[in-house]
Amino acid sequence: MKTKSLIMLTLVTSLTTGCASGLNSMQKREYQAFEYDNVLIEEKNPTTAAVLGILPGGGSFYAREPALGVVNLLLWPISALWDPVSGYEGAMAINYDLTKQQLLRSKNKEISLLDEKIATGELDTKEYVMSKRKIEQKYNYN
């Protein structure tokens, strides 16, 4: 009986730490900056993902992790210990990635317009460099 409990504890601990890997500390700071500046694209609600994690595989399926969702479905009700965290972290990662992609597209679009202006002679080199720096600072969350 003691061996079975030890194996179960080891399994739960390893799955909890393995499944709950999401954003690193720098990405979490960026995520908070996105929220503060109102630029965060929230396609997936982390709270909803955590709540769905109580259901069999719900958090993982919600966070676009179908393989992990199937495993959690098979391990339910034990998976209810880690799937809320996994779902929460997964939703944050989705939102982070979408926001980074959108910011990169917007930055590239603005720089492209700036490049067109210098090519047509609307801007001189000094104005171009200053404007480009402003654009880069605007989209820099590191």
N, C-alpha and C. Protein backbone atom coordinates (compact mmCIF):
# COMPACT_ATOMS: atom_id res chain seq x y z
N MET A 1 0.82 -1.19 0.00
CA MET A 1 0.00 0.00 0.00
C MET A 1 0.87 1.26 0.00
N LYS A 2 1.93 1.23 0.81
CA LYS A 2 2.82 2.39 0.88
C LYS A 2 3.53 2.59 -0.45
N THR A 3 3.92 1.51 -1.10
CA THR A 3 4.58 1.58 -2.40
C THR A 3 3.64 2.18 -3.44
N LYS A 4 2.39 1.79 -3.41
CA LYS A 4 1.41 2.31 -4.36
C LYS A 4 1.22 3.82 -4.16
N SER A 5 1.16 4.25 -2.92
CA SER A 5 1.02 5.68 -2.62
C SER A 5 2.23 6.46 -3.10
N LEU A 6 3.41 5.89 -2.89
CA LEU A 6 4.64 6.55 -3.32
C LEU A 6 4.70 6.66 -4.84
N ILE A 7 4.30 5.61 -5.54
CA ILE A 7 4.28 5.65 -7.00
C ILE A 7 3.28 6.70 -7.49
N MET A 8 2.11 6.75 -6.86
CA MET A 8 1.09 7.73 -7.25
C MET A 8 1.58 9.15 -7.01
N LEU A 9 2.22 9.39 -5.87
CA LEU A 9 2.76 10.71 -5.57
C LEU A 9 3.83 11.10 -6.58
N THR A 10 4.70 10.18 -6.93
CA THR A 10 5.74 10.44 -7.93
C THR A 10 5.13 10.75 -9.28
N LEU A 11 4.12 9.99 -9.67
CA LEU A 11 3.44 10.21 -10.95
C LEU A 11 2.80 11.59 -10.99
N VAL A 12 2.07 11.93 -9.95
CA VAL A 12 1.39 13.22 -9.90
C VAL A 12 2.40 14.36 -9.91
N THR A 13 3.46 14.24 -9.14
CA THR A 13 4.48 15.28 -9.10
C THR A 13 5.15 15.47 -10.46
N SER A 14 5.51 14.37 -11.10
CA SER A 14 6.18 14.49 -12.40
C SER A 14 5.25 15.04 -13.46
N LEU A 15 4.01 14.63 -13.45
CA LEU A 15 3.07 15.14 -14.44
C LEU A 15 2.72 16.60 -14.18
N THR A 16 2.63 16.97 -12.91
CA THR A 16 2.31 18.35 -12.58
C THR A 16 3.41 19.28 -13.05
N THR A 17 4.64 18.93 -12.78
CA THR A 17 5.73 19.80 -13.19
C THR A 17 5.95 19.75 -14.69
N GLY A 18 5.69 18.64 -15.33
CA GLY A 18 5.89 18.51 -16.77
C GLY A 18 4.81 19.19 -17.57
N CYS A 19 3.59 19.18 -17.09
CA CYS A 19 2.47 19.70 -17.87
C CYS A 19 2.23 21.18 -17.64
N ALA A 20 2.75 21.70 -16.55
CA ALA A 20 2.44 23.08 -16.21
C ALA A 20 3.49 24.06 -16.72
N SER A 21 4.32 23.66 -17.65
CA SER A 21 5.33 24.57 -18.17
C SER A 21 4.68 25.50 -19.18
N GLY A 22 4.76 26.77 -18.92
CA GLY A 22 4.16 27.76 -19.79
C GLY A 22 5.17 28.82 -20.14
N LEU A 23 4.85 30.04 -19.82
CA LEU A 23 5.73 31.17 -20.11
C LEU A 23 6.87 31.22 -19.09
N ASN A 24 8.03 31.64 -19.56
CA ASN A 24 9.13 31.83 -18.62
C ASN A 24 8.96 33.19 -17.93
N SER A 25 9.85 33.53 -17.02
CA SER A 25 9.68 34.75 -16.22
C SER A 25 9.72 36.02 -17.08
N MET A 26 10.56 36.05 -18.09
CA MET A 26 10.63 37.23 -18.97
C MET A 26 9.34 37.38 -19.77
N GLN A 27 8.84 36.26 -20.26
CA GLN A 27 7.60 36.29 -21.03
C GLN A 27 6.42 36.71 -20.15
N LYS A 28 6.43 36.29 -18.89
CA LYS A 28 5.37 36.70 -17.97
C LYS A 28 5.41 38.20 -17.73
N ARG A 29 6.61 38.77 -17.65
CA ARG A 29 6.73 40.22 -17.50
C ARG A 29 6.20 40.94 -18.74
N GLU A 30 6.56 40.41 -19.91
CA GLU A 30 6.04 40.98 -21.15
C GLU A 30 4.52 40.88 -21.20
N TYR A 31 3.99 39.73 -20.80
CA TYR A 31 2.55 39.50 -20.77
C TYR A 31 1.87 40.57 -19.90
N GLN A 32 2.45 40.83 -18.73
CA GLN A 32 1.90 41.86 -17.84
C GLN A 32 1.99 43.24 -18.47
N ALA A 33 3.07 43.51 -19.19
CA ALA A 33 3.21 44.79 -19.88
C ALA A 33 2.16 44.92 -20.99
N PHE A 34 1.90 43.83 -21.70
CA PHE A 34 0.85 43.83 -22.73
C PHE A 34 -0.50 44.17 -22.10
N GLU A 35 -0.79 43.55 -20.95
CA GLU A 35 -2.05 43.82 -20.26
C GLU A 35 -2.12 45.28 -19.83
N TYR A 36 -1.03 45.78 -19.26
CA TYR A 36 -0.98 47.15 -18.76
C TYR A 36 -1.19 48.16 -19.89
N ASP A 37 -0.60 47.89 -21.05
CA ASP A 37 -0.71 48.80 -22.20
C ASP A 37 -1.95 48.53 -23.06
N ASN A 38 -2.78 47.59 -22.64
CA ASN A 38 -4.01 47.26 -23.37
C ASN A 38 -3.76 46.78 -24.80
N VAL A 39 -2.69 46.06 -25.01
CA VAL A 39 -2.42 45.51 -26.35
C VAL A 39 -2.53 43.99 -26.37
N LEU A 40 -2.81 43.39 -25.22
CA LEU A 40 -2.90 41.94 -25.14
C LEU A 40 -4.11 41.44 -25.93
N ILE A 41 -3.86 40.48 -26.81
CA ILE A 41 -4.94 39.83 -27.55
C ILE A 41 -5.31 38.59 -26.74
N GLU A 42 -6.52 38.58 -26.20
CA GLU A 42 -6.94 37.47 -25.36
C GLU A 42 -7.90 36.57 -26.12
N GLU A 43 -7.33 35.63 -26.85
CA GLU A 43 -8.15 34.66 -27.57
C GLU A 43 -8.67 33.60 -26.62
N LYS A 44 -7.85 33.22 -25.66
CA LYS A 44 -8.22 32.21 -24.67
C LYS A 44 -8.15 32.85 -23.29
N ASN A 45 -9.21 32.68 -22.51
CA ASN A 45 -9.25 33.23 -21.16
C ASN A 45 -8.58 32.24 -20.20
N PRO A 46 -7.49 32.65 -19.54
CA PRO A 46 -6.80 31.74 -18.63
C PRO A 46 -7.68 31.22 -17.49
N THR A 47 -8.56 32.07 -16.98
CA THR A 47 -9.45 31.63 -15.90
C THR A 47 -10.40 30.55 -16.39
N THR A 48 -10.95 30.74 -17.58
CA THR A 48 -11.83 29.73 -18.17
C THR A 48 -11.07 28.42 -18.36
N ALA A 49 -9.83 28.52 -18.81
CA ALA A 49 -9.01 27.32 -19.00
C ALA A 49 -8.78 26.59 -17.68
N ALA A 50 -8.54 27.35 -16.62
CA ALA A 50 -8.34 26.73 -15.31
C ALA A 50 -9.61 26.04 -14.82
N VAL A 51 -10.74 26.69 -15.00
CA VAL A 51 -12.01 26.10 -14.57
C VAL A 51 -12.31 24.84 -15.38
N LEU A 52 -12.08 24.91 -16.69
CA LEU A 52 -12.30 23.73 -17.54
C LEU A 52 -11.34 22.60 -17.20
N GLY A 53 -10.20 22.94 -16.60
CA GLY A 53 -9.22 21.93 -16.22
C GLY A 53 -9.72 20.96 -15.17
N ILE A 54 -10.77 21.34 -14.47
CA ILE A 54 -11.36 20.44 -13.48
C ILE A 54 -12.08 19.29 -14.18
N LEU A 55 -12.62 19.57 -15.36
CA LEU A 55 -13.29 18.53 -16.15
C LEU A 55 -12.24 17.63 -16.79
N PRO A 56 -12.62 16.43 -17.18
CA PRO A 56 -11.64 15.50 -17.77
C PRO A 56 -10.98 16.04 -19.04
N GLY A 57 -9.75 16.53 -18.90
CA GLY A 57 -8.98 17.02 -20.04
C GLY A 57 -9.40 18.38 -20.55
N GLY A 58 -10.37 19.01 -19.91
CA GLY A 58 -10.95 20.26 -20.41
C GLY A 58 -9.96 21.39 -20.59
N GLY A 59 -9.09 21.60 -19.61
CA GLY A 59 -8.12 22.69 -19.70
C GLY A 59 -7.14 22.50 -20.84
N SER A 60 -6.71 21.27 -21.04
CA SER A 60 -5.75 20.98 -22.11
C SER A 60 -6.40 21.10 -23.48
N PHE A 61 -7.62 20.59 -23.62
CA PHE A 61 -8.32 20.72 -24.90
C PHE A 61 -8.56 22.20 -25.22
N TYR A 62 -8.95 22.98 -24.22
CA TYR A 62 -9.20 24.41 -24.41
C TYR A 62 -7.92 25.13 -24.83
N ALA A 63 -6.79 24.70 -24.30
CA ALA A 63 -5.51 25.35 -24.60
C ALA A 63 -4.82 24.73 -25.81
N ARG A 64 -5.57 24.04 -26.66
CA ARG A 64 -5.07 23.46 -27.92
C ARG A 64 -3.97 22.42 -27.71
N GLU A 65 -4.13 21.61 -26.70
CA GLU A 65 -3.21 20.50 -26.42
C GLU A 65 -4.00 19.20 -26.41
N PRO A 66 -4.46 18.74 -27.60
CA PRO A 66 -5.33 17.57 -27.62
C PRO A 66 -4.67 16.28 -27.11
N ALA A 67 -3.40 16.08 -27.38
CA ALA A 67 -2.73 14.86 -26.90
C ALA A 67 -2.69 14.85 -25.38
N LEU A 68 -2.34 15.98 -24.81
CA LEU A 68 -2.32 16.10 -23.35
C LEU A 68 -3.74 15.99 -22.80
N GLY A 69 -4.70 16.51 -23.54
CA GLY A 69 -6.10 16.40 -23.12
C GLY A 69 -6.56 14.95 -23.04
N VAL A 70 -6.14 14.14 -24.01
CA VAL A 70 -6.51 12.71 -23.99
C VAL A 70 -5.87 12.02 -22.79
N VAL A 71 -4.61 12.32 -22.53
CA VAL A 71 -3.93 11.74 -21.37
C VAL A 71 -4.65 12.15 -20.09
N ASN A 72 -4.99 13.43 -19.99
CA ASN A 72 -5.68 13.91 -18.80
C ASN A 72 -7.07 13.31 -18.67
N LEU A 73 -7.71 13.08 -19.80
CA LEU A 73 -9.01 12.42 -19.80
C LEU A 73 -8.90 11.01 -19.23
N LEU A 74 -7.86 10.31 -19.65
CA LEU A 74 -7.65 8.94 -19.17
C LEU A 74 -7.24 8.90 -17.69
N LEU A 75 -6.56 9.93 -17.24
CA LEU A 75 -6.09 9.95 -15.85
C LEU A 75 -7.04 10.67 -14.90
N TRP A 76 -8.20 11.07 -15.41
CA TRP A 76 -9.15 11.77 -14.56
C TRP A 76 -9.69 10.81 -13.52
N PRO A 77 -9.88 11.15 -12.29
CA PRO A 77 -9.93 12.46 -11.65
C PRO A 77 -8.59 12.97 -11.14
N ILE A 78 -7.54 12.15 -11.22
CA ILE A 78 -6.23 12.60 -10.72
C ILE A 78 -5.74 13.81 -11.51
N SER A 79 -6.04 13.85 -12.82
CA SER A 79 -5.56 14.95 -13.66
C SER A 79 -6.16 16.29 -13.25
N ALA A 80 -7.22 16.28 -12.46
CA ALA A 80 -7.80 17.54 -11.98
C ALA A 80 -6.83 18.27 -11.06
N LEU A 81 -5.78 17.61 -10.63
CA LEU A 81 -4.77 18.26 -9.80
C LEU A 81 -3.85 19.17 -10.61
N TRP A 82 -3.57 18.80 -11.86
CA TRP A 82 -2.63 19.60 -12.65
C TRP A 82 -3.25 20.23 -13.90
N ASP A 83 -4.35 19.70 -14.39
CA ASP A 83 -4.90 20.24 -15.64
C ASP A 83 -5.39 21.69 -15.52
N PRO A 84 -5.93 22.14 -14.38
CA PRO A 84 -6.26 23.56 -14.29
C PRO A 84 -5.04 24.47 -14.48
N VAL A 85 -3.92 24.07 -13.90
CA VAL A 85 -2.69 24.86 -14.06
C VAL A 85 -2.20 24.78 -15.50
N SER A 86 -2.24 23.59 -16.06
CA SER A 86 -1.81 23.39 -17.44
C SER A 86 -2.67 24.21 -18.41
N GLY A 87 -3.97 24.19 -18.19
CA GLY A 87 -4.88 24.96 -19.04
C GLY A 87 -4.63 26.45 -18.92
N TYR A 88 -4.46 26.92 -17.68
CA TYR A 88 -4.20 28.34 -17.43
C TYR A 88 -2.93 28.79 -18.14
N GLU A 89 -1.86 28.03 -17.95
CA GLU A 89 -0.58 28.35 -18.58
C GLU A 89 -0.67 28.27 -20.10
N GLY A 90 -1.40 27.28 -20.60
CA GLY A 90 -1.57 27.14 -22.05
C GLY A 90 -2.32 28.30 -22.66
N ALA A 91 -3.37 28.77 -21.98
CA ALA A 91 -4.13 29.92 -22.47
C ALA A 91 -3.27 31.17 -22.48
N MET A 92 -2.47 31.34 -21.44
CA MET A 92 -1.56 32.50 -21.40
C MET A 92 -0.55 32.43 -22.55
N ALA A 93 -0.03 31.25 -22.83
CA ALA A 93 0.94 31.08 -23.91
C ALA A 93 0.32 31.40 -25.26
N ILE A 94 -0.92 30.98 -25.47
CA ILE A 94 -1.61 31.28 -26.73
C ILE A 94 -1.78 32.79 -26.88
N ASN A 95 -2.25 33.45 -25.83
CA ASN A 95 -2.44 34.90 -25.87
C ASN A 95 -1.12 35.63 -26.09
N TYR A 96 -0.08 35.17 -25.43
CA TYR A 96 1.24 35.78 -25.57
C TYR A 96 1.73 35.68 -27.01
N ASP A 97 1.64 34.48 -27.57
CA ASP A 97 2.11 34.27 -28.95
C ASP A 97 1.32 35.11 -29.95
N LEU A 98 0.01 35.15 -29.80
CA LEU A 98 -0.82 35.95 -30.72
C LEU A 98 -0.49 37.44 -30.61
N THR A 99 -0.29 37.90 -29.39
CA THR A 99 0.04 39.32 -29.19
C THR A 99 1.39 39.65 -29.80
N LYS A 100 2.39 38.78 -29.57
CA LYS A 100 3.72 39.02 -30.15
C LYS A 100 3.65 39.06 -31.68
N GLN A 101 2.90 38.14 -32.27
CA GLN A 101 2.76 38.10 -33.73
C GLN A 101 2.10 39.37 -34.25
N GLN A 102 1.04 39.80 -33.59
CA GLN A 102 0.32 41.01 -34.02
C GLN A 102 1.20 42.24 -33.89
N LEU A 103 1.93 42.35 -32.79
CA LEU A 103 2.83 43.49 -32.61
C LEU A 103 3.93 43.50 -33.67
N LEU A 104 4.46 42.33 -34.01
CA LEU A 104 5.49 42.24 -35.04
C LEU A 104 4.93 42.66 -36.40
N ARG A 105 3.72 42.20 -36.73
CA ARG A 105 3.09 42.60 -38.00
C ARG A 105 2.87 44.11 -38.05
N SER A 106 2.38 44.68 -36.96
CA SER A 106 2.14 46.12 -36.92
C SER A 106 3.43 46.91 -37.05
N LYS A 107 4.47 46.45 -36.35
CA LYS A 107 5.77 47.11 -36.42
C LYS A 107 6.33 47.05 -37.84
N ASN A 108 6.27 45.88 -38.45
CA ASN A 108 6.78 45.73 -39.82
C ASN A 108 6.00 46.59 -40.81
N LYS A 109 4.70 46.72 -40.60
CA LYS A 109 3.87 47.54 -41.47
C LYS A 109 4.28 49.01 -41.36
N GLU A 110 4.48 49.49 -40.12
CA GLU A 110 4.88 50.88 -39.93
C GLU A 110 6.27 51.14 -40.51
N ILE A 111 7.19 50.21 -40.33
CA ILE A 111 8.54 50.39 -40.88
C ILE A 111 8.50 50.34 -42.41
N SER A 112 7.65 49.51 -42.96
CA SER A 112 7.50 49.43 -44.41
C SER A 112 6.99 50.76 -44.98
N LEU A 113 6.02 51.36 -44.30
CA LEU A 113 5.52 52.67 -44.73
C LEU A 113 6.61 53.72 -44.64
N LEU A 114 7.42 53.63 -43.60
CA LEU A 114 8.53 54.55 -43.42
C LEU A 114 9.56 54.36 -44.53
N ASP A 115 9.83 53.11 -44.89
CA ASP A 115 10.76 52.81 -45.98
C ASP A 115 10.27 53.39 -47.30
N GLU A 116 8.97 53.32 -47.52
CA GLU A 116 8.40 53.90 -48.74
C GLU A 116 8.60 55.41 -48.77
N LYS A 117 8.43 56.04 -47.61
CA LYS A 117 8.60 57.50 -47.55
C LYS A 117 10.03 57.92 -47.84
N ILE A 118 11.00 57.17 -47.35
CA ILE A 118 12.39 57.54 -47.64
C ILE A 118 12.73 57.24 -49.10
N ALA A 119 12.14 56.18 -49.64
CA ALA A 119 12.40 55.83 -51.04
C ALA A 119 11.83 56.88 -51.99
N THR A 120 10.70 57.48 -51.63
CA THR A 120 10.09 58.50 -52.49
C THR A 120 10.62 59.89 -52.20
N GLY A 121 11.48 60.02 -51.18
CA GLY A 121 12.07 61.31 -50.88
C GLY A 121 11.25 62.17 -49.94
N GLU A 122 10.20 61.63 -49.37
CA GLU A 122 9.38 62.40 -48.42
C GLU A 122 10.11 62.64 -47.11
N LEU A 123 11.07 61.76 -46.78
CA LEU A 123 11.85 61.88 -45.56
C LEU A 123 13.33 61.91 -45.90
N ASP A 124 14.10 62.68 -45.11
CA ASP A 124 15.54 62.58 -45.26
C ASP A 124 16.05 61.52 -44.28
N THR A 125 17.32 61.22 -44.32
CA THR A 125 17.89 60.13 -43.53
C THR A 125 17.73 60.37 -42.03
N LYS A 126 17.93 61.60 -41.61
CA LYS A 126 17.83 61.91 -40.18
C LYS A 126 16.40 61.68 -39.68
N GLU A 127 15.41 62.15 -40.42
CA GLU A 127 14.01 61.94 -40.03
C GLU A 127 13.66 60.46 -40.04
N TYR A 128 14.19 59.75 -41.02
CA TYR A 128 13.94 58.31 -41.12
C TYR A 128 14.46 57.57 -39.89
N VAL A 129 15.71 57.87 -39.52
CA VAL A 129 16.32 57.20 -38.37
C VAL A 129 15.55 57.51 -37.09
N MET A 130 15.18 58.77 -36.90
CA MET A 130 14.43 59.15 -35.70
C MET A 130 13.06 58.47 -35.67
N SER A 131 12.38 58.46 -36.80
CA SER A 131 11.06 57.83 -36.86
C SER A 131 11.15 56.32 -36.65
N LYS A 132 12.18 55.71 -37.21
CA LYS A 132 12.34 54.27 -37.05
C LYS A 132 12.62 53.92 -35.59
N ARG A 133 13.43 54.74 -34.92
CA ARG A 133 13.71 54.50 -33.50
C ARG A 133 12.43 54.60 -32.67
N LYS A 134 11.59 55.58 -33.00
CA LYS A 134 10.32 55.73 -32.27
C LYS A 134 9.44 54.50 -32.45
N ILE A 135 9.40 54.00 -33.67
CA ILE A 135 8.59 52.80 -33.95
C ILE A 135 9.14 51.61 -33.19
N GLU A 136 10.46 51.44 -33.21
CA GLU A 136 11.06 50.31 -32.51
C GLU A 136 10.85 50.40 -31.00
N GLN A 137 10.92 51.61 -30.44
CA GLN A 137 10.67 51.78 -29.01
C GLN A 137 9.21 51.51 -28.67
N LYS A 138 8.33 51.90 -29.57
CA LYS A 138 6.89 51.70 -29.37
C LYS A 138 6.55 50.22 -29.22
N TYR A 139 7.23 49.37 -29.98
CA TYR A 139 6.92 47.94 -29.98
C TYR A 139 7.89 47.11 -29.15
N ASN A 140 8.79 47.76 -28.40
CA ASN A 140 9.76 47.03 -27.60
C ASN A 140 9.21 46.79 -26.19
N TYR A 141 8.95 45.53 -25.86
CA TYR A 141 8.46 45.18 -24.53
C TYR A 141 9.48 44.35 -23.76
N ASN A 142 10.71 44.28 -24.24
CA ASN A 142 11.74 43.48 -23.55
C ASN A 142 12.36 44.26 -22.43
